[in-house]
Amino acid sequence: MSTNAYIKYLTQQFVEYFNLTKKERREKRRHKKEDKNHGMSHWFGIVPFALTMFVRKNIKK
């Protein structure tokens, strides 16, 4: 990507962001936060979760 194209892209994103109302920006940030995958599954997938369930199941027996 050339420098001019990158600056044009940044300018478009900047203008697009500031054309939103304050309420829309907050809503967009809130949705982005909710969509994030939290915890161990984010870093290691479902394996740690499955192992934890297996261990808990065996401890209860």
C-alpha atoms as a PDB file:
ATOM      1  CA  MET A   1       0.000   0.000   0.000  1.00  0.00           C
ATOM      2  CA  SER A   2       1.476   3.326  -1.004  1.00  0.00           C
ATOM      3  CA  THR A   3       1.821   6.170   1.449  1.00  0.00           C
ATOM      4  CA  ASN A   4      -0.820   8.270  -0.295  1.00  0.00           C
ATOM      5  CA  ALA A   5      -3.323   5.421  -0.286  1.00  0.00           C
ATOM      6  CA  TYR A   6      -2.669   4.775   3.411  1.00  0.00           C
ATOM      7  CA  ILE A   7      -3.127   8.443   4.322  1.00  0.00           C
ATOM      8  CA  LYS A   8      -6.332   8.530   2.293  1.00  0.00           C
ATOM      9  CA  TYR A   9      -7.614   5.445   4.135  1.00  0.00           C
ATOM     10  CA  LEU A  10      -6.744   6.933   7.547  1.00  0.00           C
ATOM     11  CA  THR A  11      -8.463  10.195   6.652  1.00  0.00           C
ATOM     12  CA  GLN A  12     -11.603   8.356   5.538  1.00  0.00           C
ATOM     13  CA  GLN A  13     -11.699   6.355   8.769  1.00  0.00           C
ATOM     14  CA  PHE A  14     -11.130   9.491  10.848  1.00  0.00           C
ATOM     15  CA  VAL A  15     -13.918  11.426   9.128  1.00  0.00           C
ATOM     16  CA  GLU A  16     -16.257   8.423   9.289  1.00  0.00           C
ATOM     17  CA  TYR A  17     -15.646   8.086  13.038  1.00  0.00           C
ATOM     18  CA  PHE A  18     -16.293  11.750  13.784  1.00  0.00           C
ATOM     19  CA  ASN A  19     -19.448  11.813  11.664  1.00  0.00           C
ATOM     20  CA  LEU A  20     -21.019   9.391  14.133  1.00  0.00           C
ATOM     21  CA  THR A  21     -22.882  10.816  17.090  1.00  0.00           C
ATOM     22  CA  LYS A  22     -21.486  10.313  20.566  1.00  0.00           C
ATOM     23  CA  LYS A  23     -24.245   7.817  21.319  1.00  0.00           C
ATOM     24  CA  GLU A  24     -23.447   5.771  18.178  1.00  0.00           C
ATOM     25  CA  ARG A  25     -19.736   5.690  19.063  1.00  0.00           C
ATOM     26  CA  ARG A  26     -20.512   4.425  22.567  1.00  0.00           C
ATOM     27  CA  GLU A  27     -22.866   1.783  21.159  1.00  0.00           C
ATOM     28  CA  LYS A  28     -20.245   0.663  18.635  1.00  0.00           C
ATOM     29  CA  ARG A  29     -17.624   0.350  21.400  1.00  0.00           C
ATOM     30  CA  ARG A  30     -20.045  -1.585  23.610  1.00  0.00           C
ATOM     31  CA  HIS A  31     -20.828  -4.060  20.818  1.00  0.00           C
ATOM     32  CA  LYS A  32     -17.145  -4.507  20.078  1.00  0.00           C
ATOM     33  CA  LYS A  33     -16.464  -5.256  23.749  1.00  0.00           C
ATOM     34  CA  GLU A  34     -19.315  -7.791  23.940  1.00  0.00           C
ATOM     35  CA  ASP A  35     -18.131  -9.628  20.848  1.00  0.00           C
ATOM     36  CA  LYS A  36     -14.666 -10.303  22.225  1.00  0.00           C
ATOM     37  CA  ASN A  37     -13.871 -13.870  23.197  1.00  0.00           C
ATOM     38  CA  HIS A  38     -12.700 -13.820  26.809  1.00  0.00           C
ATOM     39  CA  GLY A  39     -10.788 -16.229  28.968  1.00  0.00           C
ATOM     40  CA  MET A  40      -8.615 -19.211  28.284  1.00  0.00           C
ATOM     41  CA  SER A  41     -10.510 -20.204  25.140  1.00  0.00           C
ATOM     42  CA  HIS A  42      -9.277 -17.017  23.495  1.00  0.00           C
ATOM     43  CA  TRP A  43      -5.655 -18.100  23.852  1.00  0.00           C
ATOM     44  CA  PHE A  44      -5.828 -21.893  23.802  1.00  0.00           C
ATOM     45  CA  GLY A  45      -9.157 -22.847  22.257  1.00  0.00           C
ATOM     46  CA  ILE A  46     -11.697 -25.173  23.825  1.00  0.00           C
ATOM     47  CA  VAL A  47      -9.153 -27.693  25.181  1.00  0.00           C
ATOM     48  CA  PRO A  48      -8.627 -26.061  28.620  1.00  0.00           C
ATOM     49  CA  PHE A  49     -12.377 -25.772  29.076  1.00  0.00           C
ATOM     50  CA  ALA A  50     -12.895 -29.438  28.185  1.00  0.00           C
ATOM     51  CA  LEU A  51     -10.106 -30.535  30.546  1.00  0.00           C
ATOM     52  CA  THR A  52     -11.571 -28.455  33.368  1.00  0.00           C
ATOM     53  CA  MET A  53     -14.985 -30.033  32.859  1.00  0.00           C
ATOM     54  CA  PHE A  54     -13.432 -33.525  32.799  1.00  0.00           C
ATOM     55  CA  VAL A  55     -11.480 -32.924  36.016  1.00  0.00           C
ATOM     56  CA  ARG A  56     -14.500 -31.461  37.832  1.00  0.00           C
ATOM     57  CA  LYS A  57     -16.625 -34.397  36.732  1.00  0.00           C
ATOM     58  CA  ASN A  58     -14.066 -36.894  38.071  1.00  0.00           C
ATOM     59  CA  ILE A  59     -13.609 -35.039  41.375  1.00  0.00           C
ATOM     60  CA  LYS A  60     -17.353 -35.156  42.094  1.00  0.00           C
ATOM     61  CA  LYS A  61     -17.434 -38.960  41.676  1.00  0.00           C
END
